[in-house]
Amino acid sequence: MDVKKIASEARITLTEEEIEKFSKELMKIEEAFSEIDELEISDEPCFHPLEVKPDLREDEPGETLTSEEALSNAESEDGFFKGPRVM
């Protein structure tokens, strides 16, 4: 990997000592990933040590607020919630 190119794209300035240091570190990282790439991995999916069940309820319609009720305690304009200006 070219540390100078990475530094340029990140818009950071590195000293020659930092470039040398980071070059060595990036080489070690690349070596670690190449070792991972060489591992034989089965096609079996990963598992979770504990059974995970989604804690969901049935989607059932219930009572809702009318527009007037929903807007009764909020600042509104023309039947819509009114919020602060962003720009």
Protein backbone atom coordinates (compact mmCIF):
# COMPACT_ATOMS: atom_id res chain seq x y z
CA MET A 1 0.00 0.00 0.00
CA ASP A 2 1.14 3.47 -0.76
CA VAL A 3 1.06 5.45 2.49
CA LYS A 4 1.75 8.72 0.68
CA LYS A 5 -1.28 8.21 -1.56
CA ILE A 6 -3.51 7.34 1.41
CA ALA A 7 -2.25 10.39 3.31
CA SER A 8 -2.87 12.59 0.27
CA GLU A 9 -6.42 11.32 -0.14
CA ALA A 10 -7.03 11.81 3.59
CA ARG A 11 -5.50 15.29 3.28
CA ILE A 12 -3.01 14.74 6.08
CA THR A 13 0.67 15.54 6.12
CA LEU A 14 3.09 12.87 7.31
CA THR A 15 6.77 13.07 8.08
CA GLU A 16 9.17 10.59 6.49
CA GLU A 17 9.41 8.78 9.84
CA GLU A 18 5.61 8.46 10.01
CA ILE A 19 5.46 7.21 6.42
CA GLU A 20 8.02 4.52 7.21
CA LYS A 21 6.24 3.55 10.45
CA PHE A 22 2.81 3.36 8.83
CA SER A 23 4.17 1.45 5.83
CA LYS A 24 5.44 -1.27 8.16
CA GLU A 25 2.15 -1.34 10.07
CA LEU A 26 0.09 -1.56 6.88
CA MET A 27 2.26 -4.42 5.63
CA LYS A 28 1.56 -6.32 8.88
CA ILE A 29 -2.16 -5.68 8.48
CA GLU A 30 -2.07 -6.91 4.87
CA GLU A 31 -0.22 -10.05 5.97
CA ALA A 32 -2.85 -10.73 8.64
CA PHE A 33 -5.66 -10.41 6.10
CA SER A 34 -3.87 -12.66 3.61
CA GLU A 35 -3.59 -15.30 6.36
CA ILE A 36 -7.32 -15.01 6.95
CA ASP A 37 -7.95 -15.37 3.21
CA GLU A 38 -6.02 -18.67 3.22
CA LEU A 39 -8.22 -20.25 5.91
CA GLU A 40 -10.46 -23.12 4.87
CA ILE A 41 -13.96 -22.21 5.94
CA SER A 42 -16.93 -24.56 5.67
CA ASP A 43 -20.17 -23.43 4.14
CA GLU A 44 -22.02 -23.97 7.41
CA PRO A 45 -23.76 -20.84 8.67
CA CYS A 46 -22.70 -19.21 11.91
CA PHE A 47 -24.73 -19.95 15.01
CA HIS A 48 -25.70 -18.11 18.14
CA PRO A 49 -24.87 -19.88 21.42
CA LEU A 50 -28.26 -18.94 22.83
CA GLU A 51 -31.51 -19.30 20.99
CA VAL A 52 -32.68 -15.87 19.95
CA LYS A 53 -36.41 -15.39 19.52
CA PRO A 54 -37.76 -12.11 18.24
CA ASP A 55 -39.85 -10.45 20.91
CA LEU A 56 -42.61 -9.28 18.59
CA ARG A 57 -46.32 -9.01 19.00
CA GLU A 58 -48.99 -9.52 16.40
CA ASP A 59 -49.74 -6.41 14.38
CA GLU A 60 -53.30 -5.60 15.36
CA PRO A 61 -55.14 -2.37 14.63
CA GLY A 62 -56.07 -0.36 17.67
CA GLU A 63 -57.43 3.02 18.65
CA THR A 64 -55.56 6.00 17.23
CA LEU A 65 -55.70 9.72 17.80
CA THR A 66 -57.58 11.96 15.44
CA SER A 67 -55.56 14.68 13.73
CA GLU A 68 -57.06 17.27 16.06
CA GLU A 69 -56.13 15.22 19.15
CA ALA A 70 -52.57 14.65 17.91
CA LEU A 71 -52.07 18.35 17.14
CA SER A 72 -53.83 19.66 20.26
CA ASN A 73 -50.63 20.09 22.34
CA ALA A 74 -48.27 20.95 19.49
CA GLU A 75 -47.60 23.95 17.35
CA SER A 76 -49.31 23.30 14.03
CA GLU A 77 -50.13 24.97 10.78
CA ASP A 78 -52.72 23.86 8.21
CA GLY A 79 -53.19 20.51 9.98
CA PHE A 80 -49.46 19.63 10.12
CA PHE A 81 -46.91 19.69 12.93
CA LYS A 82 -44.80 22.82 12.72
CA GLY A 83 -41.13 22.56 13.62
CA PRO A 84 -38.22 25.00 13.74
CA ARG A 85 -36.63 26.19 10.52
CA VAL A 86 -33.57 24.19 9.53
CA MET A 87 -31.96 26.68 7.19
